[in-house]
Amino acid sequence: MKIIFVCSGNTCRSPMAEALLRSALVTRGSHNIEVDSAGISCQGERASAEAVRAMQNYGLDINFRMSKQLDGAMIRTCGLVLTMTNAQKQYLLEELPGYEDIIFTLGEFCGTGEEVADPYRMGYEEYVRCADQLDRLTQCAAEKLSRE
């Protein structure tokens, strides 16, 4: 199975979620799940410096990560698309009809319904808060995916 995390620019939330879920799945021995991330509107930028620092707190390196634009081909090759907000989910559902059964918010997938706010340009502390939330949610997602 392939999972794609989606956020706005693919420089903060989705690359952090990608790294955290990949790590959580490896810890659980779930090696048959591929994890990726993309943005709704991005321009080939590196992960933000604050996101890189926040991930270092978890022993993860996303410094190499370059943002990439989500497209229909990516959606067609995956089994699950997880957005950070309901607005992003709704956008994808409108742009990519027929994929309603695989597009969810991360919070919805985990049963909390919470959204992951964008820390972009909000300071390092917000990135740490976001990373902590993503860690909690991706741990939940890894647990759920490991059972399936």
N, C-alpha and C. Protein backbone atom coordinates (compact mmCIF):
# COMPACT_ATOMS: atom_id res chain seq x y z
N MET A 1 0.83 -1.18 0.00
CA MET A 1 0.00 0.00 0.00
C MET A 1 0.88 1.25 0.00
N LYS A 2 0.41 2.27 -0.67
CA LYS A 2 1.10 3.55 -0.69
C LYS A 2 0.21 4.61 -0.04
N ILE A 3 0.81 5.42 0.82
CA ILE A 3 0.12 6.50 1.51
C ILE A 3 0.77 7.81 1.13
N ILE A 4 -0.04 8.82 0.85
CA ILE A 4 0.48 10.16 0.55
C ILE A 4 -0.12 11.15 1.53
N PHE A 5 0.76 11.89 2.21
CA PHE A 5 0.34 13.00 3.05
C PHE A 5 0.29 14.25 2.19
N VAL A 6 -0.74 15.06 2.37
CA VAL A 6 -0.89 16.26 1.58
C VAL A 6 -1.10 17.47 2.49
N CYS A 7 -0.36 18.54 2.20
CA CYS A 7 -0.59 19.83 2.84
C CYS A 7 -0.50 20.89 1.75
N SER A 8 -0.38 22.13 2.16
CA SER A 8 -0.39 23.22 1.18
C SER A 8 0.87 23.24 0.33
N GLY A 9 2.03 23.45 0.96
CA GLY A 9 3.26 23.65 0.21
C GLY A 9 4.26 22.53 0.25
N ASN A 10 4.00 21.48 1.06
CA ASN A 10 4.89 20.33 1.16
C ASN A 10 6.28 20.71 1.66
N THR A 11 6.33 21.72 2.54
CA THR A 11 7.61 22.10 3.16
C THR A 11 7.58 21.96 4.68
N CYS A 12 6.42 21.73 5.26
CA CYS A 12 6.32 21.65 6.72
C CYS A 12 5.59 20.39 7.18
N ARG A 13 4.27 20.47 7.21
CA ARG A 13 3.46 19.41 7.81
C ARG A 13 3.58 18.07 7.10
N SER A 14 3.36 18.04 5.80
CA SER A 14 3.35 16.73 5.13
C SER A 14 4.72 16.04 5.13
N PRO A 15 5.84 16.76 4.95
CA PRO A 15 7.12 16.03 5.07
C PRO A 15 7.41 15.55 6.49
N MET A 16 6.96 16.32 7.49
CA MET A 16 7.13 15.86 8.87
C MET A 16 6.28 14.62 9.11
N ALA A 17 5.03 14.63 8.64
CA ALA A 17 4.16 13.47 8.81
C ALA A 17 4.73 12.26 8.08
N GLU A 18 5.24 12.48 6.89
CA GLU A 18 5.85 11.39 6.11
C GLU A 18 6.98 10.73 6.90
N ALA A 19 7.89 11.54 7.41
CA ALA A 19 9.04 11.00 8.16
C ALA A 19 8.59 10.29 9.43
N LEU A 20 7.65 10.88 10.14
CA LEU A 20 7.18 10.29 11.39
C LEU A 20 6.44 8.98 11.17
N LEU A 21 5.58 8.93 10.15
CA LEU A 21 4.86 7.68 9.90
C LEU A 21 5.82 6.60 9.41
N ARG A 22 6.72 6.95 8.53
CA ARG A 22 7.70 5.96 8.04
C ARG A 22 8.46 5.36 9.22
N SER A 23 8.91 6.20 10.15
CA SER A 23 9.64 5.73 11.32
C SER A 23 8.76 4.84 12.21
N ALA A 24 7.51 5.26 12.42
CA ALA A 24 6.60 4.47 13.25
C ALA A 24 6.30 3.11 12.62
N LEU A 25 6.18 3.06 11.31
CA LEU A 25 5.91 1.79 10.63
C LEU A 25 7.12 0.86 10.70
N VAL A 26 8.31 1.41 10.56
CA VAL A 26 9.52 0.59 10.67
C VAL A 26 9.62 0.01 12.07
N THR A 27 9.34 0.82 13.08
CA THR A 27 9.37 0.36 14.47
C THR A 27 8.41 -0.81 14.68
N ARG A 28 7.27 -0.77 14.00
CA ARG A 28 6.26 -1.83 14.12
C ARG A 28 6.51 -3.00 13.16
N GLY A 29 7.55 -2.91 12.35
CA GLY A 29 7.86 -3.98 11.41
C GLY A 29 6.95 -4.01 10.19
N SER A 30 6.27 -2.92 9.92
CA SER A 30 5.38 -2.83 8.75
C SER A 30 6.17 -2.27 7.58
N HIS A 31 6.83 -3.12 6.86
CA HIS A 31 7.70 -2.69 5.75
C HIS A 31 7.00 -2.69 4.39
N ASN A 32 5.76 -3.12 4.35
CA ASN A 32 5.05 -3.21 3.07
C ASN A 32 4.23 -1.96 2.75
N ILE A 33 4.42 -0.89 3.51
CA ILE A 33 3.69 0.35 3.29
C ILE A 33 4.67 1.43 2.85
N GLU A 34 4.41 2.00 1.69
CA GLU A 34 5.22 3.10 1.16
C GLU A 34 4.59 4.42 1.59
N VAL A 35 5.41 5.36 2.05
CA VAL A 35 4.91 6.65 2.52
C VAL A 35 5.56 7.77 1.71
N ASP A 36 4.75 8.72 1.29
CA ASP A 36 5.22 9.85 0.50
C ASP A 36 4.46 11.09 0.95
N SER A 37 4.81 12.24 0.38
CA SER A 37 4.07 13.47 0.66
C SER A 37 4.15 14.38 -0.55
N ALA A 38 3.17 15.28 -0.62
CA ALA A 38 3.10 16.23 -1.72
C ALA A 38 2.29 17.44 -1.27
N GLY A 39 2.33 18.49 -2.09
CA GLY A 39 1.62 19.71 -1.76
C GLY A 39 0.58 20.06 -2.81
N ILE A 40 -0.41 20.79 -2.39
CA ILE A 40 -1.44 21.26 -3.32
C ILE A 40 -0.87 22.35 -4.22
N SER A 41 -0.05 23.21 -3.64
CA SER A 41 0.60 24.26 -4.44
C SER A 41 2.01 24.46 -3.92
N CYS A 42 2.97 23.94 -4.66
CA CYS A 42 4.35 24.06 -4.20
C CYS A 42 5.27 24.29 -5.39
N GLN A 43 6.53 24.66 -5.07
CA GLN A 43 7.45 25.09 -6.11
C GLN A 43 8.84 24.51 -5.96
N GLY A 44 8.95 23.26 -5.59
CA GLY A 44 10.26 22.62 -5.50
C GLY A 44 11.18 23.21 -4.47
N GLU A 45 10.66 23.51 -3.29
CA GLU A 45 11.46 24.10 -2.22
C GLU A 45 11.89 23.02 -1.22
N ARG A 46 12.96 23.32 -0.51
CA ARG A 46 13.42 22.44 0.55
C ARG A 46 12.47 22.54 1.74
N ALA A 47 12.50 21.52 2.58
CA ALA A 47 11.75 21.57 3.83
C ALA A 47 12.19 22.80 4.61
N SER A 48 11.27 23.43 5.30
CA SER A 48 11.61 24.64 6.04
C SER A 48 12.63 24.31 7.13
N ALA A 49 13.47 25.27 7.44
CA ALA A 49 14.52 25.08 8.44
C ALA A 49 13.94 24.70 9.79
N GLU A 50 12.80 25.29 10.14
CA GLU A 50 12.16 24.99 11.43
C GLU A 50 11.62 23.56 11.46
N ALA A 51 11.08 23.10 10.33
CA ALA A 51 10.60 21.71 10.25
C ALA A 51 11.78 20.74 10.37
N VAL A 52 12.88 21.07 9.72
CA VAL A 52 14.08 20.24 9.81
C VAL A 52 14.53 20.15 11.27
N ARG A 53 14.58 21.29 11.96
CA ARG A 53 14.98 21.31 13.38
C ARG A 53 14.01 20.51 14.24
N ALA A 54 12.72 20.68 14.00
CA ALA A 54 11.71 19.96 14.80
C ALA A 54 11.85 18.45 14.62
N MET A 55 12.15 18.01 13.42
CA MET A 55 12.30 16.57 13.18
C MET A 55 13.58 16.02 13.79
N GLN A 56 14.59 16.87 13.95
CA GLN A 56 15.81 16.43 14.62
C GLN A 56 15.52 16.01 16.06
N ASN A 57 14.48 16.60 16.67
CA ASN A 57 14.07 16.20 18.02
C ASN A 57 13.63 14.73 18.06
N TYR A 58 13.23 14.19 16.93
CA TYR A 58 12.80 12.80 16.82
C TYR A 58 13.86 11.92 16.18
N GLY A 59 15.04 12.49 15.94
CA GLY A 59 16.11 11.73 15.30
C GLY A 59 15.87 11.50 13.82
N LEU A 60 15.07 12.35 13.19
CA LEU A 60 14.72 12.20 11.78
C LEU A 60 15.29 13.35 10.97
N ASP A 61 15.75 13.05 9.78
CA ASP A 61 16.36 14.05 8.92
C ASP A 61 15.50 14.26 7.67
N ILE A 62 14.90 15.45 7.55
CA ILE A 62 14.13 15.77 6.35
C ILE A 62 14.80 16.90 5.57
N ASN A 63 16.04 17.18 5.88
CA ASN A 63 16.76 18.27 5.23
C ASN A 63 16.87 18.07 3.71
N PHE A 64 16.96 16.83 3.28
CA PHE A 64 17.11 16.51 1.85
C PHE A 64 15.80 16.67 1.08
N ARG A 65 14.70 16.77 1.77
CA ARG A 65 13.36 16.71 1.16
C ARG A 65 13.07 17.94 0.33
N MET A 66 12.68 17.72 -0.94
CA MET A 66 12.23 18.80 -1.82
C MET A 66 10.73 18.66 -2.03
N SER A 67 10.03 19.78 -1.97
CA SER A 67 8.57 19.74 -2.14
C SER A 67 8.21 19.31 -3.55
N LYS A 68 7.07 18.64 -3.66
CA LYS A 68 6.58 18.25 -4.97
C LYS A 68 5.07 18.46 -5.04
N GLN A 69 4.63 18.74 -6.23
CA GLN A 69 3.23 19.04 -6.52
C GLN A 69 2.42 17.75 -6.61
N LEU A 70 1.30 17.69 -5.91
CA LEU A 70 0.40 16.56 -6.01
C LEU A 70 -0.26 16.56 -7.39
N ASP A 71 -0.37 15.39 -7.98
CA ASP A 71 -1.10 15.28 -9.25
C ASP A 71 -1.94 14.02 -9.26
N GLY A 72 -2.77 13.91 -10.26
CA GLY A 72 -3.69 12.79 -10.36
C GLY A 72 -3.00 11.44 -10.43
N ALA A 73 -1.84 11.40 -11.08
CA ALA A 73 -1.10 10.14 -11.18
C ALA A 73 -0.70 9.62 -9.80
N MET A 74 -0.32 10.52 -8.91
CA MET A 74 0.05 10.12 -7.55
C MET A 74 -1.15 9.50 -6.84
N ILE A 75 -2.30 10.14 -6.99
CA ILE A 75 -3.50 9.65 -6.33
C ILE A 75 -3.87 8.26 -6.86
N ARG A 76 -3.77 8.08 -8.15
CA ARG A 76 -4.15 6.80 -8.77
C ARG A 76 -3.27 5.64 -8.31
N THR A 77 -2.08 5.92 -7.85
CA THR A 77 -1.16 4.84 -7.45
C THR A 77 -1.15 4.58 -5.95
N CYS A 78 -2.01 5.25 -5.20
CA CYS A 78 -1.96 5.04 -3.76
C CYS A 78 -3.28 4.50 -3.22
N GLY A 79 -3.20 4.00 -2.02
CA GLY A 79 -4.37 3.45 -1.36
C GLY A 79 -4.96 4.35 -0.31
N LEU A 80 -4.22 5.40 0.07
CA LEU A 80 -4.69 6.29 1.12
C LEU A 80 -4.05 7.67 0.96
N VAL A 81 -4.88 8.71 1.01
CA VAL A 81 -4.42 10.09 0.96
C VAL A 81 -4.85 10.76 2.25
N LEU A 82 -3.90 11.30 3.00
CA LEU A 82 -4.19 11.94 4.28
C LEU A 82 -3.82 13.42 4.22
N THR A 83 -4.82 14.27 4.37
CA THR A 83 -4.60 15.72 4.37
C THR A 83 -4.47 16.23 5.79
N MET A 84 -4.01 17.46 5.92
CA MET A 84 -3.85 18.06 7.23
C MET A 84 -5.13 18.76 7.71
N THR A 85 -5.92 19.26 6.76
CA THR A 85 -7.14 20.00 7.11
C THR A 85 -8.33 19.51 6.30
N ASN A 86 -9.50 19.82 6.78
CA ASN A 86 -10.71 19.48 6.05
C ASN A 86 -10.80 20.28 4.75
N ALA A 87 -10.33 21.52 4.75
CA ALA A 87 -10.35 22.33 3.52
C ALA A 87 -9.51 21.67 2.43
N GLN A 88 -8.35 21.12 2.79
CA GLN A 88 -7.52 20.41 1.82
C GLN A 88 -8.21 19.15 1.32
N LYS A 89 -8.86 18.44 2.21
CA LYS A 89 -9.61 17.24 1.82
C LYS A 89 -10.70 17.63 0.83
N GLN A 90 -11.47 18.66 1.15
CA GLN A 90 -12.57 19.07 0.27
C GLN A 90 -12.04 19.51 -1.10
N TYR A 91 -10.92 20.20 -1.11
CA TYR A 91 -10.31 20.62 -2.37
C TYR A 91 -9.98 19.40 -3.24
N LEU A 92 -9.36 18.41 -2.63
CA LEU A 92 -8.99 17.21 -3.38
C LEU A 92 -10.21 16.47 -3.88
N LEU A 93 -11.24 16.40 -3.05
CA LEU A 93 -12.46 15.70 -3.47
C LEU A 93 -13.12 16.40 -4.67
N GLU A 94 -13.03 17.72 -4.70
CA GLU A 94 -13.58 18.47 -5.83
C GLU A 94 -12.72 18.31 -7.08
N GLU A 95 -11.40 18.34 -6.91
CA GLU A 95 -10.48 18.26 -8.04
C GLU A 95 -10.31 16.84 -8.57
N LEU A 96 -10.49 15.86 -7.71
CA LEU A 96 -10.25 14.47 -8.08
C LEU A 96 -11.47 13.61 -7.73
N PRO A 97 -12.57 13.81 -8.42
CA PRO A 97 -13.77 13.01 -8.11
C PRO A 97 -13.51 11.52 -8.34
N GLY A 98 -14.18 10.73 -7.54
CA GLY A 98 -14.04 9.29 -7.66
C GLY A 98 -13.07 8.68 -6.66
N TYR A 99 -12.44 9.50 -5.84
CA TYR A 99 -11.47 9.00 -4.86
C TYR A 99 -11.94 9.24 -3.43
N GLU A 100 -13.23 9.40 -3.24
CA GLU A 100 -13.79 9.68 -1.92
C GLU A 100 -13.46 8.62 -0.89
N ASP A 101 -13.27 7.40 -1.34
CA ASP A 101 -13.04 6.30 -0.41
C ASP A 101 -11.59 6.21 0.08
N ILE A 102 -10.68 7.03 -0.46
CA ILE A 102 -9.28 6.96 0.01
C ILE A 102 -8.76 8.30 0.52
N ILE A 103 -9.55 9.36 0.48
CA ILE A 103 -9.09 10.68 0.92
C ILE A 103 -9.73 11.04 2.26
N PHE A 104 -8.88 11.26 3.26
CA PHE A 104 -9.32 11.60 4.61
C PHE A 104 -8.38 12.65 5.19
N THR A 105 -8.83 13.34 6.21
CA THR A 105 -7.87 14.12 6.99
C THR A 105 -7.15 13.12 7.90
N LEU A 106 -5.95 13.46 8.33
CA LEU A 106 -5.21 12.60 9.24
C LEU A 106 -6.00 12.42 10.54
N GLY A 107 -6.57 13.51 11.04
CA GLY A 107 -7.37 13.43 12.26
C GLY A 107 -8.60 12.55 12.09
N GLU A 108 -9.24 12.64 10.95
CA GLU A 108 -10.40 11.80 10.66
C GLU A 108 -10.00 10.33 10.61
N PHE A 109 -8.89 10.03 9.94
CA PHE A 109 -8.41 8.66 9.85
C PHE A 109 -8.13 8.08 11.23
N CYS A 110 -7.63 8.92 12.13
CA CYS A 110 -7.30 8.47 13.49
C CYS A 110 -8.48 8.53 14.44
N GLY A 111 -9.59 9.08 13.99
CA GLY A 111 -10.78 9.13 14.83
C GLY A 111 -10.87 10.31 15.77
N THR A 112 -9.96 11.28 15.64
CA THR A 112 -10.01 12.45 16.52
C THR A 112 -10.73 13.63 15.88
N GLY A 113 -10.72 13.67 14.56
CA GLY A 113 -11.35 14.78 13.84
C GLY A 113 -10.56 16.07 13.87
N GLU A 114 -9.43 16.08 14.55
CA GLU A 114 -8.66 17.32 14.67
C GLU A 114 -7.95 17.66 13.37
N GLU A 115 -7.67 18.93 13.20
CA GLU A 115 -6.90 19.40 12.06
C GLU A 115 -5.48 19.73 12.52
N VAL A 116 -4.56 19.75 11.58
CA VAL A 116 -3.17 20.09 11.87
C VAL A 116 -2.92 21.47 11.26
N ALA A 117 -2.81 22.47 12.13
CA ALA A 117 -2.63 23.85 11.68
C ALA A 117 -1.25 24.04 11.05
N ASP A 118 -1.19 24.94 10.10
CA ASP A 118 0.05 25.23 9.39
C ASP A 118 0.96 26.09 10.25
N PRO A 119 2.17 25.62 10.56
CA PRO A 119 3.10 26.42 11.37
C PRO A 119 3.95 27.38 10.54
N TYR A 120 3.74 27.40 9.24
CA TYR A 120 4.58 28.18 8.33
C TYR A 120 4.73 29.62 8.82
N ARG A 121 6.00 30.03 8.98
CA ARG A 121 6.38 31.37 9.42
C ARG A 121 5.83 31.77 10.79
N MET A 122 5.55 30.77 11.62
CA MET A 122 4.99 31.04 12.95
C MET A 122 6.03 30.90 14.07
N GLY A 123 7.25 30.57 13.73
CA GLY A 123 8.29 30.41 14.74
C GLY A 123 8.51 28.95 15.11
N TYR A 124 9.69 28.68 15.60
CA TYR A 124 10.11 27.32 15.90
C TYR A 124 9.18 26.61 16.88
N GLU A 125 8.69 27.32 17.90
CA GLU A 125 7.83 26.68 18.90
C GLU A 125 6.57 26.10 18.26
N GLU A 126 6.02 26.77 17.26
CA GLU A 126 4.84 26.25 16.56
C GLU A 126 5.18 25.00 15.75
N TYR A 127 6.36 24.95 15.21
CA TYR A 127 6.79 23.75 14.48
C TYR A 127 6.93 22.57 15.44
N VAL A 128 7.45 22.83 16.62
CA VAL A 128 7.58 21.78 17.62
C VAL A 128 6.20 21.29 18.04
N ARG A 129 5.28 22.22 18.27
CA ARG A 129 3.91 21.85 18.63
C ARG A 129 3.27 21.02 17.51
N CYS A 130 3.45 21.46 16.29
CA CYS A 130 2.92 20.74 15.13
C CYS A 130 3.54 19.35 15.03
N ALA A 131 4.84 19.25 15.21
CA ALA A 131 5.54 17.97 15.15
C ALA A 131 5.03 17.02 16.24
N ASP A 132 4.80 17.55 17.42
CA ASP A 132 4.27 16.72 18.52
C ASP A 132 2.87 16.20 18.17
N GLN A 133 2.03 17.06 17.61
CA GLN A 133 0.70 16.63 17.19
C GLN A 133 0.81 15.58 16.09
N LEU A 134 1.66 15.83 15.11
CA LEU A 134 1.84 14.86 14.02
C LEU A 134 2.40 13.54 14.53
N ASP A 135 3.29 13.59 15.50
CA ASP A 135 3.83 12.36 16.06
C ASP A 135 2.71 11.54 16.70
N ARG A 136 1.88 12.19 17.48
CA ARG A 136 0.77 11.49 18.12
C ARG A 136 -0.18 10.89 17.08
N LEU A 137 -0.52 11.67 16.06
CA LEU A 137 -1.44 11.19 15.03
C LEU A 137 -0.83 10.10 14.15
N THR A 138 0.44 10.24 13.81
CA THR A 138 1.06 9.21 12.97
C THR A 138 1.29 7.91 13.75
N GLN A 139 1.51 8.02 15.05
CA GLN A 139 1.60 6.80 15.87
C GLN A 139 0.26 6.06 15.83
N CYS A 140 -0.82 6.82 15.94
CA CYS A 140 -2.17 6.25 15.85
C CYS A 140 -2.38 5.62 14.48
N ALA A 141 -2.01 6.34 13.44
CA ALA A 141 -2.18 5.82 12.07
C ALA A 141 -1.35 4.56 11.86
N ALA A 142 -0.12 4.54 12.36
CA ALA A 142 0.74 3.36 12.21
C ALA A 142 0.13 2.16 12.91
N GLU A 143 -0.42 2.38 14.08
CA GLU A 143 -1.07 1.31 14.81
C GLU A 143 -2.26 0.75 14.02
N LYS A 144 -3.07 1.65 13.48
CA LYS A 144 -4.23 1.25 12.69
C LYS A 144 -3.80 0.50 11.43
N LEU A 145 -2.81 1.03 10.73
CA LEU A 145 -2.34 0.41 9.49
C LEU A 145 -1.67 -0.94 9.74
N SER A 146 -1.00 -1.08 10.87
CA SER A 146 -0.33 -2.34 11.20
C SER A 146 -1.32 -3.46 11.45
N ARG A 147 -2.52 -3.10 11.87
CA ARG A 147 -3.56 -4.11 12.13
C ARG A 147 -4.27 -4.54 10.86
N GLU A 148 -4.22 -3.71 9.82
CA GLU A 148 -4.96 -4.01 8.58
C GLU A 148 -4.23 -5.01 7.70
